[in-house]
Amino acid sequence: MADAIPSSHMRLVVYGTLAPGRENHHQISELGGRWLPGTIRGRMCETGWAALHDCPGLVLDDLAGEIAVLVFESLELPLHWPRLDDFEGNDYRRIETIVATPEGLLEAFIYEAMG
């Protein structure tokens, strides 16, 4: 835990196309950092851009089931939030959330579907 990055501004919860091996991973692949497995509570939905491209969005919901996610930690993320916000567009909003990881509960940002 001593190596953990303390700020949510340096963490991104990834559940879709930004993940390693997926079609939009190049948006963050050049950033230095590490990946952790995690879970959050929410539900997948198809709305907006996601519905047109078979890429479900995620809506946080404390009463819903757990969804497996990845947490990307990078000291470089704060410099890239404006670019990532533009990439995600109007169908998603970046908000803070809590993600369960093997290192405990961590604060992180996630792009939540607006639907």
PDB file of N, CA and C in Angstrom:
ATOM      1  N   MET A   1       0.818  -1.200   0.000  1.00  0.00           N
ATOM      2  CA  MET A   1       0.000   0.000   0.000  1.00  0.00           C
ATOM      3  C   MET A   1       0.856   1.255   0.000  1.00  0.00           C
ATOM      4  N   ALA A   2       2.095   1.170   0.418  1.00  0.00           N
ATOM      5  CA  ALA A   2       2.969   2.330   0.462  1.00  0.00           C
ATOM      6  C   ALA A   2       3.199   2.918  -0.925  1.00  0.00           C
ATOM      7  N   ASP A   3       3.070   2.105  -1.977  1.00  0.00           N
ATOM      8  CA  ASP A   3       3.287   2.579  -3.332  1.00  0.00           C
ATOM      9  C   ASP A   3       2.029   3.178  -3.953  1.00  0.00           C
ATOM     10  N   ALA A   4       0.918   3.134  -3.248  1.00  0.00           N
ATOM     11  CA  ALA A   4      -0.339   3.629  -3.799  1.00  0.00           C
ATOM     12  C   ALA A   4      -0.267   5.140  -4.012  1.00  0.00           C
ATOM     13  N   ILE A   5      -0.925   5.600  -5.050  1.00  0.00           N
ATOM     14  CA  ILE A   5      -1.000   7.024  -5.346  1.00  0.00           C
ATOM     15  C   ILE A   5      -2.194   7.580  -4.578  1.00  0.00           C
ATOM     16  N   PRO A   6      -2.005   8.627  -3.764  1.00  0.00           N
ATOM     17  CA  PRO A   6      -3.053   9.062  -2.849  1.00  0.00           C
ATOM     18  C   PRO A   6      -4.216   9.831  -3.466  1.00  0.00           C
ATOM     19  N   SER A   7      -4.084  10.406  -4.640  1.00  0.00           N
ATOM     20  CA  SER A   7      -5.108  11.296  -5.165  1.00  0.00           C
ATOM     21  C   SER A   7      -6.006  10.628  -6.197  1.00  0.00           C
ATOM     22  N   SER A   8      -7.312  10.869  -6.064  1.00  0.00           N
ATOM     23  CA  SER A   8      -8.251  10.347  -7.059  1.00  0.00           C
ATOM     24  C   SER A   8      -7.974  10.930  -8.439  1.00  0.00           C
ATOM     25  N   HIS A   9      -7.365  12.106  -8.500  1.00  0.00           N
ATOM     26  CA  HIS A   9      -7.053  12.739  -9.787  1.00  0.00           C
ATOM     27  C   HIS A   9      -6.015  11.949 -10.573  1.00  0.00           C
ATOM     28  N   MET A  10      -5.402  10.994  -9.926  1.00  0.00           N
ATOM     29  CA  MET A  10      -4.374  10.179 -10.573  1.00  0.00           C
ATOM     30  C   MET A  10      -4.832   8.747 -10.788  1.00  0.00           C
ATOM     31  N   ARG A  11      -6.168   8.536 -10.696  1.00  0.00           N
ATOM     32  CA  ARG A  11      -6.740   7.201 -10.907  1.00  0.00           C
ATOM     33  C   ARG A  11      -7.928   7.290 -11.854  1.00  0.00           C
ATOM     34  N   LEU A  12      -8.010   6.313 -12.738  1.00  0.00           N
ATOM     35  CA  LEU A  12      -9.133   6.205 -13.667  1.00  0.00           C
ATOM     36  C   LEU A  12      -9.671   4.787 -13.623  1.00  0.00           C
ATOM     37  N   VAL A  13     -10.964   4.655 -13.343  1.00  0.00           N
ATOM     38  CA  VAL A  13     -11.640   3.362 -13.412  1.00  0.00           C
ATOM     39  C   VAL A  13     -11.984   3.114 -14.880  1.00  0.00           C
ATOM     40  N   VAL A  14     -11.544   1.972 -15.394  1.00  0.00           N
ATOM     41  CA  VAL A  14     -11.742   1.620 -16.800  1.00  0.00           C
ATOM     42  C   VAL A  14     -12.607   0.365 -16.869  1.00  0.00           C
ATOM     43  N   TYR A  15     -13.660   0.413 -17.694  1.00  0.00           N
ATOM     44  CA  TYR A  15     -14.555  -0.742 -17.818  1.00  0.00           C
ATOM     45  C   TYR A  15     -14.871  -1.082 -19.264  1.00  0.00           C
ATOM     46  N   GLY A  16     -14.298  -0.342 -20.189  1.00  0.00           N
ATOM     47  CA  GLY A  16     -14.656  -0.561 -21.593  1.00  0.00           C
ATOM     48  C   GLY A  16     -13.483  -0.416 -22.528  1.00  0.00           C
ATOM     49  N   THR A  17     -13.652   0.430 -23.531  1.00  0.00           N
ATOM     50  CA  THR A  17     -12.713   0.476 -24.650  1.00  0.00           C
ATOM     51  C   THR A  17     -11.363   1.097 -24.334  1.00  0.00           C
ATOM     52  N   LEU A  18     -11.188   1.700 -23.160  1.00  0.00           N
ATOM     53  CA  LEU A  18      -9.870   2.226 -22.780  1.00  0.00           C
ATOM     54  C   LEU A  18      -8.979   1.153 -22.161  1.00  0.00           C
ATOM     55  N   ALA A  19      -9.527  -0.011 -21.888  1.00  0.00           N
ATOM     56  CA  ALA A  19      -8.769  -1.095 -21.241  1.00  0.00           C
ATOM     57  C   ALA A  19      -7.687  -1.645 -22.174  1.00  0.00           C
ATOM     58  N   PRO A  20      -6.630  -2.213 -21.597  1.00  0.00           N
ATOM     59  CA  PRO A  20      -5.576  -2.825 -22.422  1.00  0.00           C
ATOM     60  C   PRO A  20      -6.163  -3.848 -23.396  1.00  0.00           C
ATOM     61  N   GLY A  21      -5.693  -3.771 -24.638  1.00  0.00           N
ATOM     62  CA  GLY A  21      -6.163  -4.691 -25.665  1.00  0.00           C
ATOM     63  C   GLY A  21      -7.440  -4.269 -26.362  1.00  0.00           C
ATOM     64  N   ARG A  22      -8.064  -3.210 -25.887  1.00  0.00           N
ATOM     65  CA  ARG A  22      -9.318  -2.735 -26.496  1.00  0.00           C
ATOM     66  C   ARG A  22      -9.049  -1.628 -27.510  1.00  0.00           C
ATOM     67  N   GLU A  23     -10.056  -1.287 -28.286  1.00  0.00           N
ATOM     68  CA  GLU A  23      -9.880  -0.410 -29.436  1.00  0.00           C
ATOM     69  C   GLU A  23      -9.461   1.024 -29.121  1.00  0.00           C
ATOM     70  N   ASN A  24      -9.709   1.516 -27.921  1.00  0.00           N
ATOM     71  CA  ASN A  24      -9.321   2.890 -27.592  1.00  0.00           C
ATOM     72  C   ASN A  24      -8.237   2.980 -26.522  1.00  0.00           C
ATOM     73  N   HIS A  25      -7.589   1.868 -26.254  1.00  0.00           N
ATOM     74  CA  HIS A  25      -6.519   1.881 -25.242  1.00  0.00           C
ATOM     75  C   HIS A  25      -5.406   2.866 -25.602  1.00  0.00           C
ATOM     76  N   HIS A  26      -5.218   3.113 -26.895  1.00  0.00           N
ATOM     77  CA  HIS A  26      -4.166   4.055 -27.315  1.00  0.00           C
ATOM     78  C   HIS A  26      -4.346   5.442 -26.698  1.00  0.00           C
ATOM     79  N   GLN A  27      -5.550   5.757 -26.213  1.00  0.00           N
ATOM     80  CA  GLN A  27      -5.786   7.053 -25.578  1.00  0.00           C
ATOM     81  C   GLN A  27      -4.978   7.216 -24.284  1.00  0.00           C
ATOM     82  N   ILE A  28      -4.628   6.093 -23.631  1.00  0.00           N
ATOM     83  CA  ILE A  28      -3.866   6.177 -22.376  1.00  0.00           C
ATOM     84  C   ILE A  28      -2.628   5.285 -22.361  1.00  0.00           C
ATOM     85  N   SER A  29      -2.388   4.542 -23.424  1.00  0.00           N
ATOM     86  CA  SER A  29      -1.306   3.547 -23.417  1.00  0.00           C
ATOM     87  C   SER A  29       0.086   4.148 -23.283  1.00  0.00           C
ATOM     88  N   GLU A  30       0.263   5.401 -23.657  1.00  0.00           N
ATOM     89  CA  GLU A  30       1.585   6.028 -23.568  1.00  0.00           C
ATOM     90  C   GLU A  30       1.874   6.598 -22.181  1.00  0.00           C
ATOM     91  N   LEU A  31       0.873   6.608 -21.303  1.00  0.00           N
ATOM     92  CA  LEU A  31       1.067   7.143 -19.958  1.00  0.00           C
ATOM     93  C   LEU A  31       1.724   6.091 -19.077  1.00  0.00           C
ATOM     94  N   GLY A  32       2.674   6.520 -18.277  1.00  0.00           N
ATOM     95  CA  GLY A  32       3.273   5.601 -17.311  1.00  0.00           C
ATOM     96  C   GLY A  32       2.316   5.368 -16.161  1.00  0.00           C
ATOM     97  N   GLY A  33       2.342   4.192 -15.598  1.00  0.00           N
ATOM     98  CA  GLY A  33       1.466   3.909 -14.470  1.00  0.00           C
ATOM     99  C   GLY A  33       1.324   2.426 -14.234  1.00  0.00           C
ATOM    100  N   ARG A  34       0.320   2.075 -13.444  1.00  0.00           N
ATOM    101  CA  ARG A  34       0.070   0.664 -13.134  1.00  0.00           C
ATOM    102  C   ARG A  34      -1.426   0.405 -13.175  1.00  0.00           C
ATOM    103  N   TRP A  35      -1.754  -0.883 -13.315  1.00  0.00           N
ATOM    104  CA  TRP A  35      -3.138  -1.336 -13.378  1.00  0.00           C
ATOM    105  C   TRP A  35      -3.441  -2.208 -12.172  1.00  0.00           C
ATOM    106  N   LEU A  36      -4.635  -2.027 -11.619  1.00  0.00           N
ATOM    107  CA  LEU A  36      -5.137  -2.856 -10.521  1.00  0.00           C
ATOM    108  C   LEU A  36      -6.511  -3.399 -10.901  1.00  0.00           C
ATOM    109  N   PRO A  37      -6.827  -4.623 -10.504  1.00  0.00           N
ATOM    110  CA  PRO A  37      -8.198  -5.091 -10.673  1.00  0.00           C
ATOM    111  C   PRO A  37      -9.089  -4.442  -9.618  1.00  0.00           C
ATOM    112  N   GLY A  38     -10.361  -4.310  -9.930  1.00  0.00           N
ATOM    113  CA  GLY A  38     -11.276  -3.736  -8.960  1.00  0.00           C
ATOM    114  C   GLY A  38     -12.714  -4.080  -9.284  1.00  0.00           C
ATOM    115  N   THR A  39     -13.596  -3.649  -8.396  1.00  0.00           N
ATOM    116  CA  THR A  39     -15.036  -3.786  -8.621  1.00  0.00           C
ATOM    117  C   THR A  39     -15.739  -2.516  -8.163  1.00  0.00           C
ATOM    118  N   ILE A  40     -16.827  -2.210  -8.842  1.00  0.00           N
ATOM    119  CA  ILE A  40     -17.716  -1.133  -8.429  1.00  0.00           C
ATOM    120  C   ILE A  40     -19.141  -1.642  -8.551  1.00  0.00           C
ATOM    121  N   ARG A  41     -20.068  -0.914  -7.953  1.00  0.00           N
ATOM    122  CA  ARG A  41     -21.479  -1.267  -8.069  1.00  0.00           C
ATOM    123  C   ARG A  41     -22.118  -0.362  -9.115  1.00  0.00           C
ATOM    124  N   GLY A  42     -22.813  -1.004 -10.042  1.00  0.00           N
ATOM    125  CA  GLY A  42     -23.461  -0.236 -11.091  1.00  0.00           C
ATOM    126  C   GLY A  42     -24.175  -1.149 -12.058  1.00  0.00           C
ATOM    127  N   ARG A  43     -24.633  -0.545 -13.141  1.00  0.00           N
ATOM    128  CA  ARG A  43     -25.312  -1.317 -14.181  1.00  0.00           C
ATOM    129  C   ARG A  43     -24.836  -0.818 -15.542  1.00  0.00           C
ATOM    130  N   MET A  44     -24.739  -1.750 -16.457  1.00  0.00           N
ATOM    131  CA  MET A  44     -24.338  -1.425 -17.816  1.00  0.00           C
ATOM    132  C   MET A  44     -25.580  -1.000 -18.600  1.00  0.00           C
ATOM    133  N   CYS A  45     -25.414  -0.023 -19.473  1.00  0.00           N
ATOM    134  CA  CYS A  45     -26.535   0.446 -20.285  1.00  0.00           C
ATOM    135  C   CYS A  45     -26.021   0.819 -21.668  1.00  0.00           C
ATOM    136  N   GLU A  46     -26.915   0.740 -22.632  1.00  0.00           N
ATOM    137  CA  GLU A  46     -26.572   1.158 -23.988  1.00  0.00           C
ATOM    138  C   GLU A  46     -27.352   2.421 -24.288  1.00  0.00           C
ATOM    139  N   THR A  47     -26.615   3.514 -24.409  1.00  0.00           N
ATOM    140  CA  THR A  47     -27.226   4.805 -24.660  1.00  0.00           C
ATOM    141  C   THR A  47     -26.276   5.659 -25.477  1.00  0.00           C
ATOM    142  N   GLY A  48     -26.807   6.590 -26.222  1.00  0.00           N
ATOM    143  CA  GLY A  48     -25.979   7.524 -26.983  1.00  0.00           C
ATOM    144  C   GLY A  48     -24.993   6.827 -27.895  1.00  0.00           C
ATOM    145  N   TRP A  49     -23.755   7.284 -27.871  1.00  0.00           N
ATOM    146  CA  TRP A  49     -22.675   6.739 -28.696  1.00  0.00           C
ATOM    147  C   TRP A  49     -22.519   5.250 -28.456  1.00  0.00           C
ATOM    148  N   ALA A  50     -22.632   4.848 -27.209  1.00  0.00           N
ATOM    149  CA  ALA A  50     -22.440   3.439 -26.852  1.00  0.00           C
ATOM    150  C   ALA A  50     -23.436   2.540 -27.577  1.00  0.00           C
ATOM    151  N   ALA A  51     -24.671   2.978 -27.682  1.00  0.00           N
ATOM    152  CA  ALA A  51     -25.692   2.168 -28.347  1.00  0.00           C
ATOM    153  C   ALA A  51     -25.377   1.981 -29.830  1.00  0.00           C
ATOM    154  N   LEU A  52     -24.779   2.972 -30.435  1.00  0.00           N
ATOM    155  CA  LEU A  52     -24.452   2.899 -31.863  1.00  0.00           C
ATOM    156  C   LEU A  52     -23.215   2.057 -32.151  1.00  0.00           C
ATOM    157  N   HIS A  53     -22.350   1.888 -31.157  1.00  0.00           N
ATOM    158  CA  HIS A  53     -21.072   1.207 -31.370  1.00  0.00           C
ATOM    159  C   HIS A  53     -20.898  -0.054 -30.525  1.00  0.00           C
ATOM    160  N   ASP A  54     -21.987  -0.579 -29.988  1.00  0.00           N
ATOM    161  CA  ASP A  54     -21.936  -1.809 -29.197  1.00  0.00           C
ATOM    162  C   ASP A  54     -20.924  -1.713 -28.056  1.00  0.00           C
ATOM    163  N   CYS A  55     -20.897  -0.557 -27.394  1.00  0.00           N
ATOM    164  CA  CYS A  55     -20.003  -0.322 -26.253  1.00  0.00           C
ATOM    165  C   CYS A  55     -20.852   0.157 -25.085  1.00  0.00           C
ATOM    166  N   PRO A  56     -21.316  -0.742 -24.243  1.00  0.00           N
ATOM    167  CA  PRO A  56     -22.173  -0.320 -23.139  1.00  0.00           C
ATOM    168  C   PRO A  56     -21.490   0.692 -22.227  1.00  0.00           C
ATOM    169  N   GLY A  57     -22.271   1.638 -21.767  1.00  0.00           N
ATOM    170  CA  GLY A  57     -21.798   2.572 -20.760  1.00  0.00           C
ATOM    171  C   GLY A  57     -22.120   2.022 -19.385  1.00  0.00           C
ATOM    172  N   LEU A  58     -21.643   2.687 -18.362  1.00  0.00           N
ATOM    173  CA  LEU A  58     -21.865   2.246 -16.996  1.00  0.00           C
ATOM    174  C   LEU A  58     -22.521   3.369 -16.218  1.00  0.00           C
ATOM    175  N   VAL A  59     -23.539   3.026 -15.443  1.00  0.00           N
ATOM    176  CA  VAL A  59     -24.191   3.964 -14.542  1.00  0.00           C
ATOM    177  C   VAL A  59     -23.970   3.448 -13.130  1.00  0.00           C
ATOM    178  N   LEU A  60     -23.373   4.273 -12.286  1.00  0.00           N
ATOM    179  CA  LEU A  60     -23.134   3.875 -10.900  1.00  0.00           C
ATOM    180  C   LEU A  60     -24.460   3.703 -10.176  1.00  0.00           C
ATOM    181  N   ASP A  61     -24.542   2.660  -9.356  1.00  0.00           N
ATOM    182  CA  ASP A  61     -25.769   2.362  -8.622  1.00  0.00           C
ATOM    183  C   ASP A  61     -25.399   1.483  -7.438  1.00  0.00           C
ATOM    184  N   ASP A  62     -25.452   2.056  -6.234  1.00  0.00           N
ATOM    185  CA  ASP A  62     -25.067   1.318  -5.026  1.00  0.00           C
ATOM    186  C   ASP A  62     -25.927   0.091  -4.772  1.00  0.00           C
ATOM    187  N   LEU A  63     -27.128   0.048  -5.353  1.00  0.00           N
ATOM    188  CA  LEU A  63     -28.025  -1.082  -5.133  1.00  0.00           C
ATOM    189  C   LEU A  63     -27.876  -2.169  -6.195  1.00  0.00           C
ATOM    190  N   ALA A  64     -27.080  -1.908  -7.200  1.00  0.00           N
ATOM    191  CA  ALA A  64     -26.882  -2.874  -8.287  1.00  0.00           C
ATOM    192  C   ALA A  64     -25.749  -3.834  -7.942  1.00  0.00           C
ATOM    193  N   GLY A  65     -25.529  -4.783  -8.820  1.00  0.00           N
ATOM    194  CA  GLY A  65     -24.481  -5.773  -8.611  1.00  0.00           C
ATOM    195  C   GLY A  65     -23.088  -5.212  -8.842  1.00  0.00           C
ATOM    196  N   GLU A  66     -22.099  -6.034  -8.511  1.00  0.00           N
ATOM    197  CA  GLU A  66     -20.709  -5.644  -8.711  1.00  0.00           C
ATOM    198  C   GLU A  66     -20.312  -5.846 -10.170  1.00  0.00           C
ATOM    199  N   ILE A  67     -19.508  -4.936 -10.662  1.00  0.00           N
ATOM    200  CA  ILE A  67     -18.972  -5.006 -12.018  1.00  0.00           C
ATOM    201  C   ILE A  67     -17.455  -5.007 -11.914  1.00  0.00           C
ATOM    202  N   ALA A  68     -16.824  -5.951 -12.584  1.00  0.00           N
ATOM    203  CA  ALA A  68     -15.358  -6.006 -12.607  1.00  0.00           C
ATOM    204  C   ALA A  68     -14.827  -4.869 -13.476  1.00  0.00           C
ATOM    205  N   VAL A  69     -13.835  -4.166 -12.952  1.00  0.00           N
ATOM    206  CA  VAL A  69     -13.224  -3.041 -13.653  1.00  0.00           C
ATOM    207  C   VAL A  69     -11.711  -3.116 -13.489  1.00  0.00           C
ATOM    208  N   LEU A  70     -11.031  -2.210 -14.135  1.00  0.00           N
ATOM    209  CA  LEU A  70      -9.603  -2.014 -13.930  1.00  0.00           C
ATOM    210  C   LEU A  70      -9.396  -0.594 -13.433  1.00  0.00           C
ATOM    211  N   VAL A  71      -8.396  -0.413 -12.594  1.00  0.00           N
ATOM    212  CA  VAL A  71      -8.033   0.916 -12.117  1.00  0.00           C
ATOM    213  C   VAL A  71      -6.652   1.240 -12.670  1.00  0.00           C
ATOM    214  N   PHE A  72      -6.571   2.346 -13.392  1.00  0.00           N
ATOM    215  CA  PHE A  72      -5.295   2.807 -13.919  1.00  0.00           C
ATOM    216  C   PHE A  72      -4.813   3.950 -13.042  1.00  0.00           C
ATOM    217  N   GLU A  73      -3.630   3.790 -12.460  1.00  0.00           N
ATOM    218  CA  GLU A  73      -3.017   4.835 -11.644  1.00  0.00           C
ATOM    219  C   GLU A  73      -1.843   5.421 -12.421  1.00  0.00           C
ATOM    220  N   SER A  74      -1.834   6.738 -12.541  1.00  0.00           N
ATOM    221  CA  SER A  74      -0.756   7.401 -13.270  1.00  0.00           C
ATOM    222  C   SER A  74      -0.578   8.821 -12.757  1.00  0.00           C
ATOM    223  N   LEU A  75       0.659   9.181 -12.479  1.00  0.00           N
ATOM    224  CA  LEU A  75       0.970  10.555 -12.100  1.00  0.00           C
ATOM    225  C   LEU A  75       0.703  11.515 -13.251  1.00  0.00           C
ATOM    226  N   GLU A  76       0.611  10.997 -14.466  1.00  0.00           N
ATOM    227  CA  GLU A  76       0.422  11.816 -15.660  1.00  0.00           C
ATOM    228  C   GLU A  76      -1.045  12.118 -15.968  1.00  0.00           C
ATOM    229  N   LEU A  77      -1.975  11.399 -15.346  1.00  0.00           N
ATOM    230  CA  LEU A  77      -3.396  11.575 -15.683  1.00  0.00           C
ATOM    231  C   LEU A  77      -3.889  13.018 -15.570  1.00  0.00           C
ATOM    232  N   PRO A  78      -3.525  13.773 -14.518  1.00  0.00           N
ATOM    233  CA  PRO A  78      -4.062  15.136 -14.419  1.00  0.00           C
ATOM    234  C   PRO A  78      -3.781  16.005 -15.649  1.00  0.00           C
ATOM    235  N   LEU A  79      -2.688  15.754 -16.329  1.00  0.00           N
ATOM    236  CA  LEU A  79      -2.363  16.526 -17.529  1.00  0.00           C
ATOM    237  C   LEU A  79      -3.225  16.120 -18.723  1.00  0.00           C
ATOM    238  N   HIS A  80      -3.872  14.972 -18.639  1.00  0.00           N
ATOM    239  CA  HIS A  80      -4.615  14.427 -19.774  1.00  0.00           C
ATOM    240  C   HIS A  80      -6.130  14.444 -19.588  1.00  0.00           C
ATOM    241  N   TRP A  81      -6.625  14.895 -18.418  1.00  0.00           N
ATOM    242  CA  TRP A  81      -8.076  14.904 -18.207  1.00  0.00           C
ATOM    243  C   TRP A  81      -8.814  15.708 -19.275  1.00  0.00           C
ATOM    244  N   PRO A  82      -8.363  16.923 -19.636  1.00  0.00           N
ATOM    245  CA  PRO A  82      -9.116  17.664 -20.666  1.00  0.00           C
ATOM    246  C   PRO A  82      -9.213  16.898 -21.994  1.00  0.00           C
ATOM    247  N   ARG A  83      -8.136  16.280 -22.410  1.00  0.00           N
ATOM    248  CA  ARG A  83      -8.148  15.511 -23.661  1.00  0.00           C
ATOM    249  C   ARG A  83      -9.074  14.303 -23.550  1.00  0.00           C
ATOM    250  N   LEU A  84      -9.010  13.592 -22.416  1.00  0.00           N
ATOM    251  CA  LEU A  84      -9.871  12.422 -22.222  1.00  0.00           C
ATOM    252  C   LEU A  84     -11.341  12.830 -22.119  1.00  0.00           C
ATOM    253  N   ASP A  85     -11.607  13.961 -21.454  1.00  0.00           N
ATOM    254  CA  ASP A  85     -12.983  14.466 -21.386  1.00  0.00           C
ATOM    255  C   ASP A  85     -13.519  14.732 -22.792  1.00  0.00           C
ATOM    256  N   ASP A  86     -12.693  15.356 -23.639  1.00  0.00           N
ATOM    257  CA  ASP A  86     -13.110  15.613 -25.024  1.00  0.00           C
ATOM    258  C   ASP A  86     -13.344  14.307 -25.772  1.00  0.00           C
ATOM    259  N   PHE A  87     -12.458  13.343 -25.573  1.00  0.00           N
ATOM    260  CA  PHE A  87     -12.601  12.052 -26.244  1.00  0.00           C
ATOM    261  C   PHE A  87     -13.904  11.366 -25.830  1.00  0.00           C
ATOM    262  N   GLU A  88     -14.215  11.355 -24.540  1.00  0.00           N
ATOM    263  CA  GLU A  88     -15.427  10.684 -24.052  1.00  0.00           C
ATOM    264  C   GLU A  88     -16.692  11.395 -24.521  1.00  0.00           C
ATOM    265  N   GLY A  89     -16.631  12.702 -24.702  1.00  0.00           N
ATOM    266  CA  GLY A  89     -17.752  13.444 -25.266  1.00  0.00           C
ATOM    267  C   GLY A  89     -18.889  13.698 -24.294  1.00  0.00           C
ATOM    268  N   ASN A  90     -20.011  14.145 -24.853  1.00  0.00           N
ATOM    269  CA  ASN A  90     -21.163  14.564 -24.052  1.00  0.00           C
ATOM    270  C   ASN A  90     -21.997  13.418 -23.507  1.00  0.00           C
ATOM    271  N   ASP A  91     -21.778  12.204 -23.979  1.00  0.00           N
ATOM    272  CA  ASP A  91     -22.567  11.071 -23.498  1.00  0.00           C
ATOM    273  C   ASP A  91     -22.038  10.505 -22.184  1.00  0.00           C
ATOM    274  N   TYR A  92     -20.890  11.006 -21.732  1.00  0.00           N
ATOM    275  CA  TYR A  92     -20.270  10.532 -20.489  1.00  0.00           C
ATOM    276  C   TYR A  92     -19.847  11.724 -19.649  1.00  0.00           C
ATOM    277  N   ARG A  93     -19.854  11.528 -18.339  1.00  0.00           N
ATOM    278  CA  ARG A  93     -19.336  12.557 -17.447  1.00  0.00           C
ATOM    279  C   ARG A  93     -18.300  11.919 -16.533  1.00  0.00           C
ATOM    280  N   ARG A  94     -17.251  12.663 -16.249  1.00  0.00           N
ATOM    281  CA  ARG A  94     -16.199  12.170 -15.352  1.00  0.00           C
ATOM    282  C   ARG A  94     -16.577  12.567 -13.935  1.00  0.00           C
ATOM    283  N   ILE A  95     -16.731  11.552 -13.072  1.00  0.00           N
ATOM    284  CA  ILE A  95     -17.088  11.807 -11.677  1.00  0.00           C
ATOM    285  C   ILE A  95     -16.221  10.945 -10.766  1.00  0.00           C
ATOM    286  N   GLU A  96     -16.137  11.366  -9.511  1.00  0.00           N
ATOM    287  CA  GLU A  96     -15.399  10.578  -8.523  1.00  0.00           C
ATOM    288  C   GLU A  96     -16.266   9.446  -8.005  1.00  0.00           C
ATOM    289  N   THR A  97     -15.626   8.341  -7.700  1.00  0.00           N
ATOM    290  CA  THR A  97     -16.315   7.191  -7.134  1.00  0.00           C
ATOM    291  C   THR A  97     -15.350   6.433  -6.234  1.00  0.00           C
ATOM    292  N   ILE A  98     -15.855   5.415  -5.594  1.00  0.00           N
ATOM    293  CA  ILE A  98     -15.043   4.520  -4.768  1.00  0.00           C
ATOM    294  C   ILE A  98     -14.991   3.173  -5.468  1.00  0.00           C
ATOM    295  N   VAL A  99     -13.801   2.626  -5.580  1.00  0.00           N
ATOM    296  CA  VAL A  99     -13.605   1.330  -6.226  1.00  0.00           C
ATOM    297  C   VAL A  99     -12.925   0.396  -5.236  1.00  0.00           C
ATOM    298  N   ALA A 100     -13.421  -0.836  -5.158  1.00  0.00           N
ATOM    299  CA  ALA A 100     -12.816  -1.847  -4.284  1.00  0.00           C
ATOM    300  C   ALA A 100     -11.684  -2.525  -5.052  1.00  0.00           C
ATOM    301  N   THR A 101     -10.508  -2.594  -4.433  1.00  0.00           N
ATOM    302  CA  THR A 101      -9.339  -3.229  -5.045  1.00  0.00           C
ATOM    303  C   THR A 101      -8.695  -4.158  -4.023  1.00  0.00           C
ATOM    304  N   PRO A 102      -7.741  -4.975  -4.437  1.00  0.00           N
ATOM    305  CA  PRO A 102      -7.019  -5.802  -3.469  1.00  0.00           C
ATOM    306  C   PRO A 102      -6.280  -4.963  -2.418  1.00  0.00           C
ATOM    307  N   GLU A 103      -6.042  -3.685  -2.713  1.00  0.00           N
ATOM    308  CA  GLU A 103      -5.367  -2.790  -1.770  1.00  0.00           C
ATOM    309  C   GLU A 103      -6.352  -2.033  -0.891  1.00  0.00           C
ATOM    310  N   GLY A 104      -7.634  -2.323  -1.025  1.00  0.00           N
ATOM    311  CA  GLY A 104      -8.652  -1.640  -0.238  1.00  0.00           C
ATOM    312  C   GLY A 104      -9.502  -0.729  -1.111  1.00  0.00           C
ATOM    313  N   LEU A 105     -10.322   0.085  -0.457  1.00  0.00           N
ATOM    314  CA  LEU A 105     -11.178   1.027  -1.172  1.00  0.00           C
ATOM    315  C   LEU A 105     -10.356   2.235  -1.595  1.00  0.00           C
ATOM    316  N   LEU A 106     -10.478   2.610  -2.861  1.00  0.00           N
ATOM    317  CA  LEU A 106      -9.726   3.739  -3.394  1.00  0.00           C
ATOM    318  C   LEU A 106     -10.672   4.721  -4.065  1.00  0.00           C
ATOM    319  N   GLU A 107     -10.361   5.998  -3.952  1.00  0.00           N
ATOM    320  CA  GLU A 107     -11.086   7.023  -4.690  1.00  0.00           C
ATOM    321  C   GLU A 107     -10.491   7.113  -6.085  1.00  0.00           C
ATOM    322  N   ALA A 108     -11.354   7.249  -7.073  1.00  0.00           N
ATOM    323  CA  ALA A 108     -10.900   7.318  -8.461  1.00  0.00           C
ATOM    324  C   ALA A 108     -11.958   8.030  -9.291  1.00  0.00           C
ATOM    325  N   PHE A 109     -11.566   8.445 -10.469  1.00  0.00           N
ATOM    326  CA  PHE A 109     -12.521   8.987 -11.427  1.00  0.00           C
ATOM    327  C   PHE A 109     -12.990   7.878 -12.356  1.00  0.00           C
ATOM    328  N   ILE A 110     -14.209   8.041 -12.841  1.00  0.00           N
ATOM    329  CA  ILE A 110     -14.794   7.117 -13.807  1.00  0.00           C
ATOM    330  C   ILE A 110     -15.601   7.940 -14.802  1.00  0.00           C
ATOM    331  N   TYR A 111     -15.685   7.465 -16.024  1.00  0.00           N
ATOM    332  CA  TYR A 111     -16.572   8.080 -17.009  1.00  0.00           C
ATOM    333  C   TYR A 111     -17.895   7.328 -16.956  1.00  0.00           C
ATOM    334  N   GLU A 112     -18.907   8.004 -16.397  1.00  0.00           N
ATOM    335  CA  GLU A 112     -20.231   7.415 -16.239  1.00  0.00           C
ATOM    336  C   GLU A 112     -21.104   7.813 -17.426  1.00  0.00           C
ATOM    337  N   ALA A 113     -21.862   6.849 -17.936  1.00  0.00           N
ATOM    338  CA  ALA A 113     -22.800   7.130 -19.024  1.00  0.00           C
ATOM    339  C   ALA A 113     -23.883   8.074 -18.528  1.00  0.00           C
ATOM    340  N   MET A 114     -24.295   8.978 -19.371  1.00  0.00           N
ATOM    341  CA  MET A 114     -25.304   9.970 -18.994  1.00  0.00           C
ATOM    342  C   MET A 114     -26.725   9.436 -19.129  1.00  0.00           C
ATOM    343  N   GLY A 115     -26.886   8.207 -19.609  1.00  0.00           N
ATOM    344  CA  GLY A 115     -28.212   7.634 -19.812  1.00  0.00           C
ATOM    345  C   GLY A 115     -28.706   7.047 -18.576  1.00  0.00           C
TER     346      GLY A 115
END
